[in-house]
Amino acid sequence: INPDKMLHCLQTIAATMKPGARLLFRDYGLYDMAQLKMAEPKGHKISDNFYVRKDGTRAYYFTESEVRQLFSEAGFEEESLSMHKRLVVNRKEGKSMHRRWVHGTFVKNAGVVSL
């Protein structure tokens, strides 16, 4: 999803949910190994933290504060939010990969209009 359309997407999702419903979020975190690999060759970066992969798919790398702001503006309350970091080791190839994901649980505010 283009970063310019993320808020609209969340607002649309919020409109379909009942007040008090929870939304679980997990996506790439800033400085994930995949982002660092795409930052090296030229032509993969579309904008800050937004990249296109070789197969044409797009990836955005979030900070916790960006996720917090997006969900708040879309009418959600934060229940939990954290950066999950994990070292993934490929023993066969002898490679270590530092992976990062943002995990969050958000609750729809009662004041947000449903469809």
N, C-alpha and C. Protein backbone atom coordinates (compact mmCIF):
# COMPACT_ATOMS: atom_id res chain seq x y z
N ILE A 1 0.85 -1.18 0.00
CA ILE A 1 0.00 0.00 0.00
C ILE A 1 0.89 1.23 0.00
N ASN A 2 0.58 2.15 -0.86
CA ASN A 2 1.31 3.41 -0.90
C ASN A 2 1.14 4.13 0.44
N PRO A 3 2.21 4.67 1.03
CA PRO A 3 2.10 5.35 2.32
C PRO A 3 1.05 6.47 2.33
N ASP A 4 0.81 7.11 1.20
CA ASP A 4 -0.20 8.16 1.12
C ASP A 4 -1.62 7.63 1.31
N LYS A 5 -1.82 6.33 1.12
CA LYS A 5 -3.16 5.73 1.20
C LYS A 5 -3.37 4.90 2.48
N MET A 6 -2.33 4.79 3.31
CA MET A 6 -2.44 3.94 4.51
C MET A 6 -3.51 4.41 5.48
N LEU A 7 -3.59 5.71 5.73
CA LEU A 7 -4.59 6.22 6.67
C LEU A 7 -5.99 5.93 6.15
N HIS A 8 -6.24 6.17 4.87
CA HIS A 8 -7.56 5.89 4.30
C HIS A 8 -7.92 4.41 4.44
N CYS A 9 -6.96 3.53 4.21
CA CYS A 9 -7.20 2.09 4.35
C CYS A 9 -7.60 1.74 5.78
N LEU A 10 -6.87 2.29 6.76
CA LEU A 10 -7.20 2.02 8.16
C LEU A 10 -8.56 2.59 8.55
N GLN A 11 -8.90 3.76 8.02
CA GLN A 11 -10.21 4.35 8.30
C GLN A 11 -11.33 3.48 7.72
N THR A 12 -11.10 2.92 6.56
CA THR A 12 -12.07 2.02 5.94
C THR A 12 -12.24 0.76 6.78
N ILE A 13 -11.14 0.21 7.25
CA ILE A 13 -11.19 -0.97 8.12
C ILE A 13 -11.94 -0.64 9.40
N ALA A 14 -11.62 0.50 10.02
CA ALA A 14 -12.28 0.91 11.26
C ALA A 14 -13.79 1.04 11.07
N ALA A 15 -14.20 1.53 9.90
CA ALA A 15 -15.63 1.71 9.64
C ALA A 15 -16.39 0.40 9.56
N THR A 16 -15.70 -0.70 9.30
CA THR A 16 -16.36 -2.01 9.20
C THR A 16 -16.37 -2.76 10.53
N MET A 17 -15.67 -2.21 11.53
CA MET A 17 -15.53 -2.91 12.82
C MET A 17 -16.52 -2.38 13.86
N LYS A 18 -16.89 -3.23 14.80
CA LYS A 18 -17.73 -2.81 15.92
C LYS A 18 -16.87 -2.11 16.96
N PRO A 19 -17.43 -1.18 17.71
CA PRO A 19 -16.67 -0.55 18.79
C PRO A 19 -16.14 -1.59 19.77
N GLY A 20 -14.90 -1.44 20.17
CA GLY A 20 -14.27 -2.39 21.09
C GLY A 20 -13.59 -3.56 20.40
N ALA A 21 -13.78 -3.70 19.07
CA ALA A 21 -13.14 -4.79 18.33
C ALA A 21 -11.64 -4.54 18.26
N ARG A 22 -10.88 -5.63 18.21
CA ARG A 22 -9.42 -5.54 18.15
C ARG A 22 -8.90 -5.82 16.75
N LEU A 23 -7.83 -5.11 16.41
CA LEU A 23 -7.14 -5.33 15.15
C LEU A 23 -5.69 -5.66 15.49
N LEU A 24 -5.21 -6.78 14.97
CA LEU A 24 -3.82 -7.19 15.18
C LEU A 24 -3.00 -6.76 13.97
N PHE A 25 -1.87 -6.15 14.23
CA PHE A 25 -1.02 -5.61 13.16
C PHE A 25 0.38 -6.20 13.28
N ARG A 26 0.92 -6.61 12.14
CA ARG A 26 2.32 -7.04 12.07
C ARG A 26 2.84 -6.70 10.68
N ASP A 27 3.95 -5.95 10.66
CA ASP A 27 4.56 -5.61 9.37
C ASP A 27 6.04 -5.35 9.61
N TYR A 28 6.76 -5.14 8.52
CA TYR A 28 8.20 -4.95 8.61
C TYR A 28 8.56 -3.73 9.46
N GLY A 29 9.63 -3.87 10.24
CA GLY A 29 10.15 -2.78 11.04
C GLY A 29 11.34 -2.12 10.37
N LEU A 30 11.54 -0.86 10.70
CA LEU A 30 12.66 -0.09 10.17
C LEU A 30 13.98 -0.79 10.47
N TYR A 31 14.86 -0.83 9.50
CA TYR A 31 16.19 -1.45 9.56
C TYR A 31 16.15 -2.98 9.54
N ASP A 32 15.06 -3.54 9.04
CA ASP A 32 15.01 -4.98 8.81
C ASP A 32 16.06 -5.34 7.76
N MET A 33 16.57 -6.55 7.83
CA MET A 33 17.61 -7.00 6.91
C MET A 33 17.20 -6.82 5.45
N ALA A 34 15.95 -7.07 5.13
CA ALA A 34 15.48 -6.92 3.75
C ALA A 34 15.56 -5.46 3.30
N GLN A 35 15.24 -4.53 4.18
CA GLN A 35 15.34 -3.11 3.83
C GLN A 35 16.79 -2.72 3.58
N LEU A 36 17.68 -3.18 4.43
CA LEU A 36 19.09 -2.84 4.27
C LEU A 36 19.66 -3.40 2.97
N LYS A 37 19.20 -4.59 2.58
CA LYS A 37 19.65 -5.16 1.31
C LYS A 37 19.13 -4.37 0.12
N MET A 38 17.88 -3.89 0.21
CA MET A 38 17.30 -3.13 -0.91
C MET A 38 17.87 -1.72 -0.99
N ALA A 39 18.38 -1.20 0.11
CA ALA A 39 18.92 0.16 0.12
C ALA A 39 20.24 0.24 -0.63
N GLU A 40 20.95 -0.89 -0.76
CA GLU A 40 22.26 -0.89 -1.40
C GLU A 40 22.19 -0.63 -2.90
N PRO A 41 21.45 -1.44 -3.67
CA PRO A 41 21.42 -1.18 -5.11
C PRO A 41 20.52 0.01 -5.42
N LYS A 42 20.90 0.76 -6.44
CA LYS A 42 20.09 1.91 -6.82
C LYS A 42 18.84 1.46 -7.57
N GLY A 43 17.80 2.24 -7.44
CA GLY A 43 16.57 1.96 -8.17
C GLY A 43 15.50 1.24 -7.39
N HIS A 44 15.80 0.77 -6.16
CA HIS A 44 14.80 0.05 -5.37
C HIS A 44 14.03 0.96 -4.44
N LYS A 45 14.57 2.13 -4.11
CA LYS A 45 13.92 3.03 -3.16
C LYS A 45 12.93 3.94 -3.89
N ILE A 46 11.66 3.92 -3.41
CA ILE A 46 10.63 4.78 -3.97
C ILE A 46 10.60 6.09 -3.19
N SER A 47 10.60 5.98 -1.86
CA SER A 47 10.64 7.14 -0.96
C SER A 47 11.18 6.65 0.38
N ASP A 48 11.19 7.52 1.39
CA ASP A 48 11.70 7.12 2.70
C ASP A 48 11.00 5.85 3.20
N ASN A 49 11.75 4.82 3.48
CA ASN A 49 11.28 3.55 4.04
C ASN A 49 10.32 2.79 3.12
N PHE A 50 10.22 3.16 1.86
CA PHE A 50 9.31 2.54 0.90
C PHE A 50 10.12 2.07 -0.30
N TYR A 51 10.07 0.76 -0.58
CA TYR A 51 10.92 0.14 -1.59
C TYR A 51 10.11 -0.74 -2.52
N VAL A 52 10.66 -1.00 -3.70
CA VAL A 52 10.09 -1.96 -4.63
C VAL A 52 11.07 -3.12 -4.76
N ARG A 53 10.53 -4.34 -4.64
CA ARG A 53 11.35 -5.54 -4.77
C ARG A 53 11.57 -5.87 -6.24
N LYS A 54 12.44 -6.82 -6.50
CA LYS A 54 12.75 -7.22 -7.88
C LYS A 54 11.52 -7.73 -8.61
N ASP A 55 10.58 -8.37 -7.86
CA ASP A 55 9.37 -8.92 -8.49
C ASP A 55 8.26 -7.87 -8.67
N GLY A 56 8.55 -6.61 -8.29
CA GLY A 56 7.58 -5.53 -8.48
C GLY A 56 6.70 -5.25 -7.27
N THR A 57 6.71 -6.14 -6.27
CA THR A 57 5.92 -5.87 -5.07
C THR A 57 6.60 -4.78 -4.25
N ARG A 58 5.82 -4.12 -3.43
CA ARG A 58 6.33 -3.00 -2.65
C ARG A 58 6.38 -3.36 -1.17
N ALA A 59 7.30 -2.73 -0.47
CA ALA A 59 7.44 -2.97 0.97
C ALA A 59 7.71 -1.65 1.68
N TYR A 60 6.99 -1.45 2.78
CA TYR A 60 7.21 -0.27 3.62
C TYR A 60 7.73 -0.76 4.97
N TYR A 61 8.68 -0.05 5.52
CA TYR A 61 9.32 -0.42 6.79
C TYR A 61 8.95 0.63 7.84
N PHE A 62 8.15 0.19 8.83
CA PHE A 62 7.54 1.08 9.82
C PHE A 62 8.40 1.30 11.05
N THR A 63 8.22 2.49 11.66
CA THR A 63 8.69 2.72 13.02
C THR A 63 7.48 2.57 13.93
N GLU A 64 7.73 2.36 15.21
CA GLU A 64 6.62 2.25 16.16
C GLU A 64 5.82 3.55 16.20
N SER A 65 6.49 4.69 16.14
CA SER A 65 5.78 5.97 16.22
C SER A 65 4.88 6.19 15.00
N GLU A 66 5.30 5.74 13.82
CA GLU A 66 4.46 5.86 12.62
C GLU A 66 3.19 5.03 12.77
N VAL A 67 3.36 3.80 13.25
CA VAL A 67 2.20 2.91 13.43
C VAL A 67 1.25 3.51 14.47
N ARG A 68 1.81 3.98 15.57
CA ARG A 68 1.00 4.60 16.63
C ARG A 68 0.18 5.78 16.08
N GLN A 69 0.81 6.64 15.31
CA GLN A 69 0.13 7.82 14.77
C GLN A 69 -0.95 7.42 13.76
N LEU A 70 -0.63 6.50 12.86
CA LEU A 70 -1.61 6.06 11.86
C LEU A 70 -2.87 5.50 12.51
N PHE A 71 -2.69 4.60 13.46
CA PHE A 71 -3.84 3.97 14.10
C PHE A 71 -4.64 4.97 14.93
N SER A 72 -3.96 5.87 15.58
CA SER A 72 -4.64 6.90 16.37
C SER A 72 -5.49 7.79 15.47
N GLU A 73 -4.94 8.23 14.36
CA GLU A 73 -5.68 9.08 13.41
C GLU A 73 -6.85 8.35 12.77
N ALA A 74 -6.76 7.02 12.69
CA ALA A 74 -7.83 6.22 12.08
C ALA A 74 -8.91 5.84 13.09
N GLY A 75 -8.74 6.22 14.36
CA GLY A 75 -9.78 5.96 15.34
C GLY A 75 -9.57 4.72 16.19
N PHE A 76 -8.32 4.34 16.39
CA PHE A 76 -7.99 3.19 17.23
C PHE A 76 -7.23 3.62 18.47
N GLU A 77 -7.42 2.86 19.54
CA GLU A 77 -6.63 3.04 20.75
C GLU A 77 -5.57 1.94 20.78
N GLU A 78 -4.39 2.30 21.20
CA GLU A 78 -3.29 1.34 21.28
C GLU A 78 -3.43 0.48 22.54
N GLU A 79 -3.43 -0.82 22.34
CA GLU A 79 -3.43 -1.75 23.47
C GLU A 79 -2.01 -2.23 23.73
N SER A 80 -1.30 -2.54 22.66
CA SER A 80 0.12 -2.92 22.78
C SER A 80 0.81 -2.60 21.46
N LEU A 81 2.09 -2.28 21.55
CA LEU A 81 2.87 -1.99 20.35
C LEU A 81 4.35 -2.18 20.69
N SER A 82 5.04 -2.97 19.87
CA SER A 82 6.46 -3.21 20.13
C SER A 82 7.18 -3.59 18.85
N MET A 83 8.50 -3.42 18.88
CA MET A 83 9.36 -3.85 17.77
C MET A 83 9.89 -5.23 18.16
N HIS A 84 9.60 -6.20 17.32
CA HIS A 84 10.06 -7.58 17.56
C HIS A 84 11.34 -7.78 16.74
N LYS A 85 12.41 -8.13 17.41
CA LYS A 85 13.70 -8.33 16.74
C LYS A 85 14.10 -9.79 16.88
N ARG A 86 14.60 -10.35 15.79
CA ARG A 86 14.97 -11.76 15.82
C ARG A 86 16.17 -12.00 14.91
N LEU A 87 17.10 -12.77 15.38
CA LEU A 87 18.23 -13.19 14.57
C LEU A 87 17.88 -14.55 13.95
N VAL A 88 17.78 -14.58 12.64
CA VAL A 88 17.46 -15.81 11.91
C VAL A 88 18.74 -16.32 11.30
N VAL A 89 19.06 -17.59 11.57
CA VAL A 89 20.31 -18.17 11.08
C VAL A 89 20.01 -19.25 10.06
N ASN A 90 20.63 -19.13 8.88
CA ASN A 90 20.55 -20.15 7.85
C ASN A 90 21.85 -20.95 7.96
N ARG A 91 21.78 -22.09 8.61
CA ARG A 91 22.99 -22.89 8.85
C ARG A 91 23.59 -23.43 7.56
N LYS A 92 22.73 -23.79 6.62
CA LYS A 92 23.22 -24.36 5.36
C LYS A 92 24.09 -23.36 4.60
N GLU A 93 23.63 -22.09 4.54
CA GLU A 93 24.38 -21.07 3.82
C GLU A 93 25.32 -20.29 4.71
N GLY A 94 25.24 -20.53 6.02
CA GLY A 94 26.11 -19.84 6.96
C GLY A 94 25.83 -18.35 7.07
N LYS A 95 24.55 -17.97 6.96
CA LYS A 95 24.19 -16.56 7.01
C LYS A 95 23.32 -16.27 8.23
N SER A 96 23.56 -15.11 8.83
CA SER A 96 22.72 -14.62 9.92
C SER A 96 21.97 -13.39 9.42
N MET A 97 20.68 -13.35 9.71
CA MET A 97 19.85 -12.25 9.23
C MET A 97 19.13 -11.60 10.41
N HIS A 98 19.29 -10.31 10.54
CA HIS A 98 18.62 -9.55 11.60
C HIS A 98 17.27 -9.09 11.06
N ARG A 99 16.20 -9.69 11.59
CA ARG A 99 14.85 -9.38 11.13
C ARG A 99 14.14 -8.52 12.18
N ARG A 100 13.27 -7.64 11.71
CA ARG A 100 12.53 -6.73 12.59
C ARG A 100 11.09 -6.59 12.10
N TRP A 101 10.15 -6.73 13.03
CA TRP A 101 8.74 -6.55 12.73
C TRP A 101 8.11 -5.66 13.81
N VAL A 102 7.14 -4.87 13.41
CA VAL A 102 6.34 -4.11 14.37
C VAL A 102 5.08 -4.92 14.63
N HIS A 103 4.83 -5.20 15.92
CA HIS A 103 3.63 -5.92 16.35
C HIS A 103 2.75 -4.96 17.13
N GLY A 104 1.47 -4.97 16.86
CA GLY A 104 0.57 -4.12 17.63
C GLY A 104 -0.82 -4.69 17.73
N THR A 105 -1.49 -4.35 18.83
CA THR A 105 -2.90 -4.66 19.01
C THR A 105 -3.60 -3.34 19.25
N PHE A 106 -4.65 -3.08 18.48
CA PHE A 106 -5.37 -1.82 18.55
C PHE A 106 -6.86 -2.10 18.71
N VAL A 107 -7.53 -1.22 19.45
CA VAL A 107 -8.95 -1.36 19.73
C VAL A 107 -9.69 -0.20 19.08
N LYS A 108 -10.80 -0.52 18.40
CA LYS A 108 -11.58 0.53 17.75
C LYS A 108 -12.26 1.39 18.82
N ASN A 109 -12.12 2.70 18.68
CA ASN A 109 -12.79 3.65 19.57
C ASN A 109 -14.30 3.59 19.36
N ALA A 110 -15.04 3.86 20.41
CA ALA A 110 -16.50 3.86 20.32
C ALA A 110 -17.03 4.98 19.44
N GLY A 111 -16.27 6.08 19.29
CA GLY A 111 -16.75 7.23 18.54
C GLY A 111 -16.59 7.13 17.02
N VAL A 112 -15.97 6.08 16.52
CA VAL A 112 -15.75 5.95 15.08
C VAL A 112 -16.98 5.31 14.44
N VAL A 113 -17.50 5.94 13.40
CA VAL A 113 -18.72 5.49 12.73
C VAL A 113 -18.47 4.19 11.98
N SER A 114 -19.37 3.23 12.12
CA SER A 114 -19.28 1.96 11.40
C SER A 114 -20.14 2.01 10.15
N LEU A 115 -19.81 1.14 9.19
CA LEU A 115 -20.60 1.05 7.95
C LEU A 115 -21.91 0.32 8.21
